Amino acid sequence: MINLFEGKKVLVTGGSGMIGMALVKMLLEKQANVLVVSLDNLARVPKGADLQCLDLRHFNNCLRVCEGMDFVFHLA
């Protein structure tokens, strides 16, 4: 089976939540380069993901974190 996420840049907003943490873990197992953006406790995010505490209610922040991403999962 093809690994769609291997080596891809993946943004997960809300990656510190219940569903987000499970998704981040799966993406890391698939060898994706994961960026988690959240305002919550980032200490709960699985090791291996890049983390940013950022307010996505500001449009410029959204543009900045989405730049260059292959996939975006919006769970915030």
N, C-alpha and C. Protein backbone atom coordinates (compact mmCIF):
# COMPACT_ATOMS: atom_id res chain seq x y z
N MET A 1 0.84 -1.18 0.00
CA MET A 1 0.00 0.00 0.00
C MET A 1 0.89 1.25 0.00
N ILE A 2 0.48 2.26 -0.72
CA ILE A 2 1.24 3.50 -0.83
C ILE A 2 1.11 4.31 0.45
N ASN A 3 2.24 4.83 0.92
CA ASN A 3 2.25 5.70 2.09
C ASN A 3 2.12 7.14 1.59
N LEU A 4 0.93 7.67 1.65
CA LEU A 4 0.62 8.99 1.12
C LEU A 4 1.31 10.12 1.89
N PHE A 5 1.65 9.88 3.16
CA PHE A 5 2.16 10.94 4.01
C PHE A 5 3.67 10.94 4.19
N GLU A 6 4.37 9.93 3.76
CA GLU A 6 5.82 9.84 3.98
C GLU A 6 6.55 11.04 3.37
N GLY A 7 7.28 11.75 4.23
CA GLY A 7 8.07 12.89 3.79
C GLY A 7 7.27 14.14 3.47
N LYS A 8 5.97 14.10 3.69
CA LYS A 8 5.11 15.26 3.39
C LYS A 8 5.02 16.18 4.60
N LYS A 9 4.79 17.47 4.33
CA LYS A 9 4.58 18.46 5.38
C LYS A 9 3.09 18.50 5.69
N VAL A 10 2.77 18.23 6.97
CA VAL A 10 1.37 18.13 7.37
C VAL A 10 1.12 19.05 8.56
N LEU A 11 0.13 19.93 8.42
CA LEU A 11 -0.29 20.82 9.50
C LEU A 11 -1.52 20.22 10.17
N VAL A 12 -1.47 20.15 11.50
CA VAL A 12 -2.64 19.69 12.28
C VAL A 12 -2.98 20.79 13.27
N THR A 13 -4.08 21.49 13.02
CA THR A 13 -4.53 22.48 13.99
C THR A 13 -5.32 21.73 15.05
N GLY A 14 -5.15 22.10 16.30
CA GLY A 14 -5.83 21.38 17.38
C GLY A 14 -5.22 20.02 17.63
N GLY A 15 -3.95 19.88 17.34
CA GLY A 15 -3.28 18.59 17.50
C GLY A 15 -3.03 18.18 18.93
N SER A 16 -3.41 19.02 19.89
CA SER A 16 -3.26 18.66 21.29
C SER A 16 -4.56 18.14 21.89
N GLY A 17 -5.61 18.07 21.08
CA GLY A 17 -6.89 17.54 21.53
C GLY A 17 -6.95 16.03 21.37
N MET A 18 -8.06 15.44 21.80
CA MET A 18 -8.20 13.98 21.79
C MET A 18 -8.05 13.41 20.38
N ILE A 19 -8.77 13.94 19.43
CA ILE A 19 -8.70 13.43 18.05
C ILE A 19 -7.38 13.85 17.42
N GLY A 20 -6.96 15.09 17.67
CA GLY A 20 -5.71 15.59 17.09
C GLY A 20 -4.50 14.78 17.50
N MET A 21 -4.40 14.42 18.78
CA MET A 21 -3.25 13.64 19.24
C MET A 21 -3.18 12.28 18.55
N ALA A 22 -4.33 11.64 18.36
CA ALA A 22 -4.35 10.34 17.68
C ALA A 22 -3.92 10.50 16.22
N LEU A 23 -4.37 11.56 15.57
CA LEU A 23 -3.98 11.81 14.18
C LEU A 23 -2.49 12.11 14.08
N VAL A 24 -1.97 12.93 14.98
CA VAL A 24 -0.54 13.26 14.96
C VAL A 24 0.29 12.00 15.13
N LYS A 25 -0.10 11.14 16.05
CA LYS A 25 0.63 9.89 16.27
C LYS A 25 0.64 9.04 15.00
N MET A 26 -0.51 8.93 14.33
CA MET A 26 -0.59 8.14 13.10
C MET A 26 0.28 8.75 12.01
N LEU A 27 0.25 10.07 11.88
CA LEU A 27 1.05 10.73 10.85
C LEU A 27 2.55 10.56 11.10
N LEU A 28 2.96 10.63 12.36
CA LEU A 28 4.37 10.42 12.69
C LEU A 28 4.79 8.99 12.38
N GLU A 29 3.91 8.02 12.64
CA GLU A 29 4.20 6.63 12.29
C GLU A 29 4.34 6.45 10.78
N LYS A 30 3.63 7.29 10.02
CA LYS A 30 3.72 7.26 8.55
C LYS A 30 4.87 8.12 8.03
N GLN A 31 5.71 8.61 8.95
CA GLN A 31 6.92 9.37 8.63
C GLN A 31 6.63 10.71 7.96
N ALA A 32 5.55 11.35 8.38
CA ALA A 32 5.23 12.70 7.91
C ALA A 32 5.99 13.71 8.76
N ASN A 33 6.22 14.89 8.21
CA ASN A 33 6.77 16.02 8.95
C ASN A 33 5.58 16.82 9.46
N VAL A 34 5.29 16.68 10.76
CA VAL A 34 4.05 17.20 11.33
C VAL A 34 4.31 18.50 12.10
N LEU A 35 3.47 19.50 11.82
CA LEU A 35 3.46 20.74 12.57
C LEU A 35 2.11 20.83 13.28
N VAL A 36 2.14 20.95 14.61
CA VAL A 36 0.92 21.09 15.41
C VAL A 36 0.81 22.54 15.84
N VAL A 37 -0.36 23.14 15.58
CA VAL A 37 -0.64 24.50 16.02
C VAL A 37 -1.85 24.45 16.94
N SER A 38 -1.67 25.00 18.14
CA SER A 38 -2.75 24.95 19.12
C SER A 38 -2.53 26.04 20.15
N LEU A 39 -3.58 26.41 20.85
CA LEU A 39 -3.47 27.32 21.99
C LEU A 39 -3.51 26.53 23.29
N ASP A 40 -3.76 25.24 23.22
CA ASP A 40 -3.85 24.39 24.40
C ASP A 40 -2.47 23.92 24.85
N ASN A 41 -2.47 23.00 25.79
CA ASN A 41 -1.24 22.45 26.36
C ASN A 41 -0.51 21.59 25.32
N LEU A 42 0.58 22.11 24.78
CA LEU A 42 1.33 21.40 23.75
C LEU A 42 2.18 20.27 24.31
N ALA A 43 2.29 20.18 25.63
CA ALA A 43 3.08 19.11 26.25
C ALA A 43 2.44 17.74 26.00
N ARG A 44 1.16 17.71 25.66
CA ARG A 44 0.46 16.44 25.42
C ARG A 44 0.68 15.89 24.01
N VAL A 45 1.24 16.69 23.14
CA VAL A 45 1.42 16.28 21.74
C VAL A 45 2.51 15.21 21.67
N PRO A 46 2.30 14.16 20.86
CA PRO A 46 3.33 13.11 20.73
C PRO A 46 4.69 13.67 20.32
N LYS A 47 5.74 13.09 20.87
CA LYS A 47 7.11 13.51 20.55
C LYS A 47 7.40 13.29 19.07
N GLY A 48 8.11 14.23 18.49
CA GLY A 48 8.48 14.13 17.08
C GLY A 48 7.81 15.16 16.20
N ALA A 49 6.73 15.75 16.71
CA ALA A 49 6.04 16.79 15.96
C ALA A 49 6.64 18.15 16.29
N ASP A 50 6.64 19.05 15.32
CA ASP A 50 7.01 20.44 15.58
C ASP A 50 5.79 21.12 16.19
N LEU A 51 6.03 22.04 17.11
CA LEU A 51 4.93 22.66 17.85
C LEU A 51 4.97 24.17 17.73
N GLN A 52 3.78 24.77 17.61
CA GLN A 52 3.65 26.23 17.66
C GLN A 52 2.38 26.58 18.41
N CYS A 53 2.53 27.46 19.39
CA CYS A 53 1.38 28.00 20.10
C CYS A 53 1.01 29.28 19.36
N LEU A 54 -0.11 29.25 18.64
CA LEU A 54 -0.44 30.34 17.74
C LEU A 54 -1.95 30.53 17.69
N ASP A 55 -2.39 31.77 17.62
CA ASP A 55 -3.81 32.09 17.54
C ASP A 55 -4.23 32.16 16.08
N LEU A 56 -5.01 31.17 15.65
CA LEU A 56 -5.44 31.10 14.25
C LEU A 56 -6.66 31.96 13.95
N ARG A 57 -7.10 32.74 14.92
CA ARG A 57 -8.17 33.71 14.64
C ARG A 57 -7.63 34.91 13.88
N HIS A 58 -6.30 35.00 13.79
CA HIS A 58 -5.65 36.06 13.03
C HIS A 58 -5.24 35.51 11.67
N PHE A 59 -5.77 36.10 10.63
CA PHE A 59 -5.61 35.59 9.27
C PHE A 59 -4.14 35.45 8.87
N ASN A 60 -3.30 36.38 9.24
CA ASN A 60 -1.88 36.30 8.87
C ASN A 60 -1.21 35.08 9.48
N ASN A 61 -1.62 34.68 10.69
CA ASN A 61 -1.09 33.46 11.29
C ASN A 61 -1.50 32.23 10.48
N CYS A 62 -2.72 32.24 10.00
CA CYS A 62 -3.20 31.12 9.16
C CYS A 62 -2.39 31.01 7.88
N LEU A 63 -2.18 32.14 7.24
CA LEU A 63 -1.40 32.13 6.00
C LEU A 63 0.01 31.62 6.24
N ARG A 64 0.62 32.06 7.35
CA ARG A 64 2.00 31.69 7.64
C ARG A 64 2.15 30.19 7.88
N VAL A 65 1.27 29.59 8.69
CA VAL A 65 1.43 28.16 9.01
C VAL A 65 1.02 27.25 7.85
N CYS A 66 0.16 27.72 6.97
CA CYS A 66 -0.26 26.90 5.83
C CYS A 66 0.74 26.92 4.68
N GLU A 67 1.61 27.90 4.67
CA GLU A 67 2.56 28.05 3.58
C GLU A 67 3.47 26.81 3.46
N GLY A 68 3.48 26.22 2.29
CA GLY A 68 4.34 25.08 2.01
C GLY A 68 3.82 23.74 2.49
N MET A 69 2.64 23.70 3.07
CA MET A 69 2.09 22.45 3.57
C MET A 69 1.50 21.62 2.43
N ASP A 70 1.70 20.31 2.53
CA ASP A 70 1.11 19.40 1.55
C ASP A 70 -0.31 19.00 1.96
N PHE A 71 -0.54 18.92 3.28
CA PHE A 71 -1.85 18.57 3.82
C PHE A 71 -2.14 19.44 5.02
N VAL A 72 -3.43 19.77 5.22
CA VAL A 72 -3.87 20.52 6.40
C VAL A 72 -5.07 19.79 6.98
N PHE A 73 -4.96 19.44 8.27
CA PHE A 73 -6.09 18.86 9.01
C PHE A 73 -6.51 19.90 10.04
N HIS A 74 -7.72 20.44 9.88
CA HIS A 74 -8.20 21.50 10.76
C HIS A 74 -9.11 20.88 11.82
N LEU A 75 -8.54 20.73 13.03
CA LEU A 75 -9.29 20.12 14.14
C LEU A 75 -9.47 21.09 15.30
N ALA A 76 -9.09 22.34 15.09
CA ALA A 76 -9.18 23.34 16.18
C ALA A 76 -10.63 23.72 16.42
